[in-house]
């Protein structure tokens, strides 16, 4: 996860992040550069679903959701 401190972020790019390494303060930098990040939610992640998009389960995609973080510290580090 420390690599995000040195990785140049490209506007419009997608960054896939392992669910065990989600550091919202660093991920906020990706969003501020107009890029997109994707991860699987950890079991203890506190969030509220905003909406769901259709997904093709035959490709192994279980669901595609846009969420809002609700946990105190995660929301502090990722306020968007």
PDB file of N, CA and C in Angstrom:
ATOM      1  N   UNK A   1       0.815  -1.188   0.000  1.00  0.00           N
ATOM      2  CA  UNK A   1       0.000   0.000   0.000  1.00  0.00           C
ATOM      3  C   UNK A   1       0.860   1.254   0.000  1.00  0.00           C
ATOM      4  N   UNK A   2       2.053   1.172   0.570  1.00  0.00           N
ATOM      5  CA  UNK A   2       2.942   2.335   0.583  1.00  0.00           C
ATOM      6  C   UNK A   2       3.332   2.770  -0.820  1.00  0.00           C
ATOM      7  N   UNK A   3       3.228   1.877  -1.785  1.00  0.00           N
ATOM      8  CA  UNK A   3       3.581   2.207  -3.168  1.00  0.00           C
ATOM      9  C   UNK A   3       2.713   3.333  -3.711  1.00  0.00           C
ATOM     10  N   UNK A   4       1.498   3.494  -3.186  1.00  0.00           N
ATOM     11  CA  UNK A   4       0.642   4.585  -3.650  1.00  0.00           C
ATOM     12  C   UNK A   4       1.253   5.953  -3.365  1.00  0.00           C
ATOM     13  N   UNK A   5       2.142   6.027  -2.373  1.00  0.00           N
ATOM     14  CA  UNK A   5       2.808   7.293  -2.080  1.00  0.00           C
ATOM     15  C   UNK A   5       3.761   7.705  -3.204  1.00  0.00           C
ATOM     16  N   UNK A   6       4.224   6.746  -3.985  1.00  0.00           N
ATOM     17  CA  UNK A   6       5.217   7.002  -5.038  1.00  0.00           C
ATOM     18  C   UNK A   6       4.664   6.830  -6.440  1.00  0.00           C
ATOM     19  N   UNK A   7       3.500   6.227  -6.564  1.00  0.00           N
ATOM     20  CA  UNK A   7       2.901   5.934  -7.860  1.00  0.00           C
ATOM     21  C   UNK A   7       2.273   7.196  -8.448  1.00  0.00           C
ATOM     22  N   UNK A   8       2.681   7.585  -9.670  1.00  0.00           N
ATOM     23  CA  UNK A   8       2.018   8.736 -10.289  1.00  0.00           C
ATOM     24  C   UNK A   8       0.594   8.341 -10.694  1.00  0.00           C
ATOM     25  N   UNK A   9      -0.366   9.131 -10.282  1.00  0.00           N
ATOM     26  CA  UNK A   9      -1.773   8.831 -10.548  1.00  0.00           C
ATOM     27  C   UNK A   9      -2.183   9.497 -11.857  1.00  0.00           C
ATOM     28  N   UNK A  10      -2.757   8.705 -12.775  1.00  0.00           N
ATOM     29  CA  UNK A  10      -3.208   9.217 -14.065  1.00  0.00           C
ATOM     30  C   UNK A  10      -4.696   9.490 -14.037  1.00  0.00           C
ATOM     31  N   UNK A  11      -5.088  10.658 -14.460  1.00  0.00           N
ATOM     32  CA  UNK A  11      -6.500  11.006 -14.564  1.00  0.00           C
ATOM     33  C   UNK A  11      -7.191  10.045 -15.527  1.00  0.00           C
ATOM     34  N   UNK A  12      -8.345   9.533 -15.132  1.00  0.00           N
ATOM     35  CA  UNK A  12      -9.112   8.621 -15.971  1.00  0.00           C
ATOM     36  C   UNK A  12      -8.713   7.161 -15.849  1.00  0.00           C
ATOM     37  N   UNK A  13      -7.639   6.864 -15.116  1.00  0.00           N
ATOM     38  CA  UNK A  13      -7.177   5.477 -14.967  1.00  0.00           C
ATOM     39  C   UNK A  13      -7.983   4.755 -13.889  1.00  0.00           C
ATOM     40  N   UNK A  14      -7.918   3.427 -13.912  1.00  0.00           N
ATOM     41  CA  UNK A  14      -8.545   2.581 -12.901  1.00  0.00           C
ATOM     42  C   UNK A  14      -7.455   1.916 -12.079  1.00  0.00           C
ATOM     43  N   UNK A  15      -7.628   1.899 -10.760  1.00  0.00           N
ATOM     44  CA  UNK A  15      -6.671   1.272  -9.855  1.00  0.00           C
ATOM     45  C   UNK A  15      -7.392   0.199  -9.051  1.00  0.00           C
ATOM     46  N   UNK A  16      -6.932  -1.041  -9.174  1.00  0.00           N
ATOM     47  CA  UNK A  16      -7.528  -2.172  -8.471  1.00  0.00           C
ATOM     48  C   UNK A  16      -6.676  -2.433  -7.236  1.00  0.00           C
ATOM     49  N   UNK A  17      -7.322  -2.409  -6.067  1.00  0.00           N
ATOM     50  CA  UNK A  17      -6.607  -2.488  -4.803  1.00  0.00           C
ATOM     51  C   UNK A  17      -7.098  -3.704  -4.021  1.00  0.00           C
ATOM     52  N   UNK A  18      -6.159  -4.465  -3.468  1.00  0.00           N
ATOM     53  CA  UNK A  18      -6.496  -5.626  -2.656  1.00  0.00           C
ATOM     54  C   UNK A  18      -7.282  -5.182  -1.429  1.00  0.00           C
ATOM     55  N   UNK A  19      -8.308  -5.936  -1.067  1.00  0.00           N
ATOM     56  CA  UNK A  19      -9.177  -5.514   0.038  1.00  0.00           C
ATOM     57  C   UNK A  19      -8.460  -5.458   1.376  1.00  0.00           C
ATOM     58  N   UNK A  20      -7.370  -6.174   1.538  1.00  0.00           N
ATOM     59  CA  UNK A  20      -6.628  -6.150   2.790  1.00  0.00           C
ATOM     60  C   UNK A  20      -5.758  -4.922   2.946  1.00  0.00           C
ATOM     61  N   UNK A  21      -5.604  -4.147   1.905  1.00  0.00           N
ATOM     62  CA  UNK A  21      -4.696  -2.997   1.936  1.00  0.00           C
ATOM     63  C   UNK A  21      -5.389  -1.665   1.688  1.00  0.00           C
ATOM     64  N   UNK A  22      -6.625  -1.557   2.049  1.00  0.00           N
ATOM     65  CA  UNK A  22      -7.357  -0.318   1.806  1.00  0.00           C
ATOM     66  C   UNK A  22      -6.946   0.724   2.847  1.00  0.00           C
ATOM     67  N   UNK A  23      -6.299   1.779   2.396  1.00  0.00           N
ATOM     68  CA  UNK A  23      -5.921   2.914   3.237  1.00  0.00           C
ATOM     69  C   UNK A  23      -6.594   4.140   2.635  1.00  0.00           C
ATOM     70  N   UNK A  24      -7.680   4.563   3.225  1.00  0.00           N
ATOM     71  CA  UNK A  24      -8.532   5.562   2.592  1.00  0.00           C
ATOM     72  C   UNK A  24      -7.855   6.914   2.405  1.00  0.00           C
ATOM     73  N   UNK A  25      -6.918   7.269   3.252  1.00  0.00           N
ATOM     74  CA  UNK A  25      -6.212   8.542   3.069  1.00  0.00           C
ATOM     75  C   UNK A  25      -5.420   8.509   1.763  1.00  0.00           C
ATOM     76  N   UNK A  26      -4.775   7.385   1.480  1.00  0.00           N
ATOM     77  CA  UNK A  26      -4.023   7.250   0.221  1.00  0.00           C
ATOM     78  C   UNK A  26      -4.964   7.126  -0.974  1.00  0.00           C
ATOM     79  N   UNK A  27      -6.050   6.401  -0.806  1.00  0.00           N
ATOM     80  CA  UNK A  27      -7.007   6.208  -1.901  1.00  0.00           C
ATOM     81  C   UNK A  27      -7.697   7.520  -2.257  1.00  0.00           C
ATOM     82  N   UNK A  28      -7.860   8.397  -1.280  1.00  0.00           N
ATOM     83  CA  UNK A  28      -8.461   9.704  -1.542  1.00  0.00           C
ATOM     84  C   UNK A  28      -7.650  10.463  -2.594  1.00  0.00           C
ATOM     85  N   UNK A  29      -6.336  10.270  -2.578  1.00  0.00           N
ATOM     86  CA  UNK A  29      -5.463  10.911  -3.572  1.00  0.00           C
ATOM     87  C   UNK A  29      -5.831  10.469  -4.993  1.00  0.00           C
ATOM     88  N   UNK A  30      -6.193   9.204  -5.154  1.00  0.00           N
ATOM     89  CA  UNK A  30      -6.612   8.694  -6.468  1.00  0.00           C
ATOM     90  C   UNK A  30      -7.861   9.428  -6.935  1.00  0.00           C
ATOM     91  N   UNK A  31      -8.838   9.534  -6.057  1.00  0.00           N
ATOM     92  CA  UNK A  31     -10.098  10.190  -6.421  1.00  0.00           C
ATOM     93  C   UNK A  31      -9.888  11.674  -6.738  1.00  0.00           C
ATOM     94  N   UNK A  32      -9.027  12.337  -5.975  1.00  0.00           N
ATOM     95  CA  UNK A  32      -8.767  13.756  -6.206  1.00  0.00           C
ATOM     96  C   UNK A  32      -8.101  14.016  -7.554  1.00  0.00           C
ATOM     97  N   UNK A  33      -7.432  12.989  -8.106  1.00  0.00           N
ATOM     98  CA  UNK A  33      -6.793  13.109  -9.422  1.00  0.00           C
ATOM     99  C   UNK A  33      -7.724  12.664 -10.553  1.00  0.00           C
ATOM    100  N   UNK A  34      -9.015  12.524 -10.262  1.00  0.00           N
ATOM    101  CA  UNK A  34     -10.035  12.132 -11.256  1.00  0.00           C
ATOM    102  C   UNK A  34      -9.793  10.740 -11.828  1.00  0.00           C
ATOM    103  N   UNK A  35      -9.299   9.847 -10.994  1.00  0.00           N
ATOM    104  CA  UNK A  35      -9.143   8.441 -11.376  1.00  0.00           C
ATOM    105  C   UNK A  35     -10.151   7.624 -10.559  1.00  0.00           C
ATOM    106  N   UNK A  36     -10.257   6.353 -10.865  1.00  0.00           N
ATOM    107  CA  UNK A  36     -11.216   5.470 -10.206  1.00  0.00           C
ATOM    108  C   UNK A  36     -10.481   4.345  -9.507  1.00  0.00           C
ATOM    109  N   UNK A  37     -10.947   3.991  -8.314  1.00  0.00           N
ATOM    110  CA  UNK A  37     -10.357   2.856  -7.604  1.00  0.00           C
ATOM    111  C   UNK A  37     -11.431   1.802  -7.374  1.00  0.00           C
ATOM    112  N   UNK A  38     -10.995   0.549  -7.346  1.00  0.00           N
ATOM    113  CA  UNK A  38     -11.901  -0.589  -7.207  1.00  0.00           C
ATOM    114  C   UNK A  38     -11.307  -1.539  -6.171  1.00  0.00           C
ATOM    115  N   UNK A  39     -12.157  -2.049  -5.294  1.00  0.00           N
ATOM    116  CA  UNK A  39     -11.730  -3.054  -4.327  1.00  0.00           C
ATOM    117  C   UNK A  39     -12.927  -3.895  -3.925  1.00  0.00           C
ATOM    118  N   UNK A  40     -12.652  -5.001  -3.274  1.00  0.00           N
ATOM    119  CA  UNK A  40     -13.712  -5.779  -2.640  1.00  0.00           C
ATOM    120  C   UNK A  40     -13.829  -5.280  -1.206  1.00  0.00           C
ATOM    121  N   UNK A  41     -15.032  -5.215  -0.689  1.00  0.00           N
ATOM    122  CA  UNK A  41     -15.239  -4.728   0.668  1.00  0.00           C
ATOM    123  C   UNK A  41     -14.822  -5.789   1.686  1.00  0.00           C
ATOM    124  N   UNK A  42     -14.157  -5.339   2.734  1.00  0.00           N
ATOM    125  CA  UNK A  42     -13.843  -6.216   3.850  1.00  0.00           C
ATOM    126  C   UNK A  42     -15.124  -6.468   4.640  1.00  0.00           C
ATOM    127  N   UNK A  43     -15.146  -7.549   5.386  1.00  0.00           N
ATOM    128  CA  UNK A  43     -16.337  -7.897   6.161  1.00  0.00           C
ATOM    129  C   UNK A  43     -16.728  -6.807   7.162  1.00  0.00           C
ATOM    130  N   UNK A  44     -15.729  -6.105   7.711  1.00  0.00           N
ATOM    131  CA  UNK A  44     -16.028  -5.114   8.736  1.00  0.00           C
ATOM    132  C   UNK A  44     -16.111  -3.682   8.203  1.00  0.00           C
ATOM    133  N   UNK A  45     -16.088  -3.513   6.889  1.00  0.00           N
ATOM    134  CA  UNK A  45     -16.186  -2.170   6.306  1.00  0.00           C
ATOM    135  C   UNK A  45     -17.589  -1.619   6.545  1.00  0.00           C
ATOM    136  N   UNK A  46     -17.655  -0.392   7.048  1.00  0.00           N
ATOM    137  CA  UNK A  46     -18.943   0.244   7.311  1.00  0.00           C
ATOM    138  C   UNK A  46     -19.274   1.164   6.147  1.00  0.00           C
ATOM    139  N   UNK A  47     -20.407   0.883   5.510  1.00  0.00           N
ATOM    140  CA  UNK A  47     -20.800   1.650   4.337  1.00  0.00           C
ATOM    141  C   UNK A  47     -22.299   1.558   4.123  1.00  0.00           C
ATOM    142  N   UNK A  48     -22.789   2.417   3.246  1.00  0.00           N
ATOM    143  CA  UNK A  48     -24.183   2.388   2.823  1.00  0.00           C
ATOM    144  C   UNK A  48     -24.181   2.353   1.303  1.00  0.00           C
ATOM    145  N   UNK A  49     -24.980   1.487   0.727  1.00  0.00           N
ATOM    146  CA  UNK A  49     -25.062   1.385  -0.734  1.00  0.00           C
ATOM    147  C   UNK A  49     -25.851   2.559  -1.285  1.00  0.00           C
ATOM    148  N   UNK A  50     -25.263   3.233  -2.284  1.00  0.00           N
ATOM    149  CA  UNK A  50     -25.978   4.318  -2.972  1.00  0.00           C
ATOM    150  C   UNK A  50     -26.840   3.748  -4.087  1.00  0.00           C
ATOM    151  N   UNK A  51     -26.224   2.919  -4.946  1.00  0.00           N
ATOM    152  CA  UNK A  51     -26.976   2.266  -6.012  1.00  0.00           C
ATOM    153  C   UNK A  51     -26.199   1.077  -6.544  1.00  0.00           C
ATOM    154  N   UNK A  52     -26.914   0.219  -7.245  1.00  0.00           N
ATOM    155  CA  UNK A  52     -26.309  -0.968  -7.851  1.00  0.00           C
ATOM    156  C   UNK A  52     -26.419  -0.871  -9.358  1.00  0.00           C
ATOM    157  N   UNK A  53     -25.411  -1.376 -10.039  1.00  0.00           N
ATOM    158  CA  UNK A  53     -25.435  -1.475 -11.496  1.00  0.00           C
ATOM    159  C   UNK A  53     -25.559  -2.947 -11.856  1.00  0.00           C
ATOM    160  N   UNK A  54     -26.031  -3.216 -13.042  1.00  0.00           N
ATOM    161  CA  UNK A  54     -26.151  -4.616 -13.460  1.00  0.00           C
ATOM    162  C   UNK A  54     -24.758  -5.212 -13.642  1.00  0.00           C
ATOM    163  N   UNK A  55     -24.656  -6.499 -13.388  1.00  0.00           N
ATOM    164  CA  UNK A  55     -23.373  -7.186 -13.543  1.00  0.00           C
ATOM    165  C   UNK A  55     -23.596  -8.538 -14.199  1.00  0.00           C
ATOM    166  N   UNK A  56     -22.589  -9.010 -14.897  1.00  0.00           N
ATOM    167  CA  UNK A  56     -22.655 -10.286 -15.601  1.00  0.00           C
ATOM    168  C   UNK A  56     -22.035 -11.369 -14.721  1.00  0.00           C
ATOM    169  N   UNK A  57     -22.879 -12.125 -14.039  1.00  0.00           N
ATOM    170  CA  UNK A  57     -22.392 -13.161 -13.128  1.00  0.00           C
ATOM    171  C   UNK A  57     -21.606 -14.254 -13.850  1.00  0.00           C
ATOM    172  N   UNK A  58     -21.837 -14.434 -15.150  1.00  0.00           N
ATOM    173  CA  UNK A  58     -21.085 -15.460 -15.886  1.00  0.00           C
ATOM    174  C   UNK A  58     -19.609 -15.088 -15.993  1.00  0.00           C
ATOM    175  N   UNK A  59     -19.285 -13.803 -15.770  1.00  0.00           N
ATOM    176  CA  UNK A  59     -17.895 -13.348 -15.785  1.00  0.00           C
ATOM    177  C   UNK A  59     -17.273 -13.381 -14.391  1.00  0.00           C
ATOM    178  N   UNK A  60     -18.050 -13.813 -13.391  1.00  0.00           N
ATOM    179  CA  UNK A  60     -17.546 -13.881 -12.025  1.00  0.00           C
ATOM    180  C   UNK A  60     -17.769 -12.601 -11.236  1.00  0.00           C
ATOM    181  N   UNK A  61     -18.492 -11.651 -11.799  1.00  0.00           N
ATOM    182  CA  UNK A  61     -18.776 -10.402 -11.098  1.00  0.00           C
ATOM    183  C   UNK A  61     -20.061 -10.595 -10.301  1.00  0.00           C
ATOM    184  N   UNK A  62     -19.924 -10.648  -8.992  1.00  0.00           N
ATOM    185  CA  UNK A  62     -21.067 -10.911  -8.129  1.00  0.00           C
ATOM    186  C   UNK A  62     -21.998  -9.711  -8.082  1.00  0.00           C
ATOM    187  N   UNK A  63     -21.437  -8.529  -7.890  1.00  0.00           N
ATOM    188  CA  UNK A  63     -22.251  -7.316  -7.888  1.00  0.00           C
ATOM    189  C   UNK A  63     -21.371  -6.113  -8.196  1.00  0.00           C
ATOM    190  N   UNK A  64     -22.005  -5.035  -8.610  1.00  0.00           N
ATOM    191  CA  UNK A  64     -21.328  -3.782  -8.923  1.00  0.00           C
ATOM    192  C   UNK A  64     -22.101  -2.685  -8.210  1.00  0.00           C
ATOM    193  N   UNK A  65     -21.523  -2.177  -7.111  1.00  0.00           N
ATOM    194  CA  UNK A  65     -22.229  -1.190  -6.300  1.00  0.00           C
ATOM    195  C   UNK A  65     -21.373   0.049  -6.072  1.00  0.00           C
ATOM    196  N   UNK A  66     -22.040   1.179  -6.001  1.00  0.00           N
ATOM    197  CA  UNK A  66     -21.402   2.413  -5.584  1.00  0.00           C
ATOM    198  C   UNK A  66     -21.850   2.652  -4.156  1.00  0.00           C
ATOM    199  N   UNK A  67     -20.882   2.921  -3.279  1.00  0.00           N
ATOM    200  CA  UNK A  67     -21.185   3.027  -1.855  1.00  0.00           C
ATOM    201  C   UNK A  67     -20.729   4.375  -1.290  1.00  0.00           C
ATOM    202  N   UNK A  68     -21.180   4.657  -0.095  1.00  0.00           N
ATOM    203  CA  UNK A  68     -20.726   5.796   0.701  1.00  0.00           C
ATOM    204  C   UNK A  68     -20.215   5.225   2.009  1.00  0.00           C
ATOM    205  N   UNK A  69     -18.996   5.590   2.392  1.00  0.00           N
ATOM    206  CA  UNK A  69     -18.438   5.112   3.646  1.00  0.00           C
ATOM    207  C   UNK A  69     -19.154   5.773   4.817  1.00  0.00           C
ATOM    208  N   UNK A  70     -19.375   5.013   5.890  1.00  0.00           N
ATOM    209  CA  UNK A  70     -20.062   5.556   7.058  1.00  0.00           C
ATOM    210  C   UNK A  70     -19.240   5.417   8.337  1.00  0.00           C
ATOM    211  N   UNK A  71     -18.134   4.691   8.306  1.00  0.00           N
ATOM    212  CA  UNK A  71     -17.286   4.550   9.482  1.00  0.00           C
ATOM    213  C   UNK A  71     -16.592   5.868   9.803  1.00  0.00           C
ATOM    214  N   UNK A  72     -16.402   6.164  11.082  1.00  0.00           N
ATOM    215  CA  UNK A  72     -15.840   7.447  11.501  1.00  0.00           C
ATOM    216  C   UNK A  72     -14.481   7.706  10.869  1.00  0.00           C
ATOM    217  N   UNK A  73     -13.517   6.786  11.010  1.00  0.00           N
ATOM    218  CA  UNK A  73     -12.160   7.018  10.514  1.00  0.00           C
ATOM    219  C   UNK A  73     -12.068   6.936   9.000  1.00  0.00           C
ATOM    220  N   UNK A  74     -12.770   5.985   8.402  1.00  0.00           N
ATOM    221  CA  UNK A  74     -12.723   5.895   6.939  1.00  0.00           C
ATOM    222  C   UNK A  74     -13.357   7.121   6.295  1.00  0.00           C
ATOM    223  N   UNK A  75     -14.432   7.610   6.873  1.00  0.00           N
ATOM    224  CA  UNK A  75     -15.083   8.814   6.345  1.00  0.00           C
ATOM    225  C   UNK A  75     -14.210  10.041   6.547  1.00  0.00           C
ATOM    226  N   UNK A  76     -13.461  10.072   7.636  1.00  0.00           N
ATOM    227  CA  UNK A  76     -12.522  11.183   7.894  1.00  0.00           C
ATOM    228  C   UNK A  76     -11.419  11.198   6.843  1.00  0.00           C
ATOM    229  N   UNK A  77     -10.892  10.018   6.495  1.00  0.00           N
ATOM    230  CA  UNK A  77      -9.796   9.925   5.520  1.00  0.00           C
ATOM    231  C   UNK A  77     -10.274   9.974   4.075  1.00  0.00           C
ATOM    232  N   UNK A  78     -11.534   9.630   3.828  1.00  0.00           N
ATOM    233  CA  UNK A  78     -12.101   9.626   2.479  1.00  0.00           C
ATOM    234  C   UNK A  78     -13.462  10.307   2.522  1.00  0.00           C
ATOM    235  N   UNK A  79     -13.499  11.628   2.588  1.00  0.00           N
ATOM    236  CA  UNK A  79     -14.750  12.345   2.794  1.00  0.00           C
ATOM    237  C   UNK A  79     -15.654  12.473   1.568  1.00  0.00           C
ATOM    238  N   UNK A  80     -15.175  12.051   0.402  1.00  0.00           N
ATOM    239  CA  UNK A  80     -15.945  12.217  -0.831  1.00  0.00           C
ATOM    240  C   UNK A  80     -17.133  11.275  -0.859  1.00  0.00           C
TER     241      UNK A  80
END
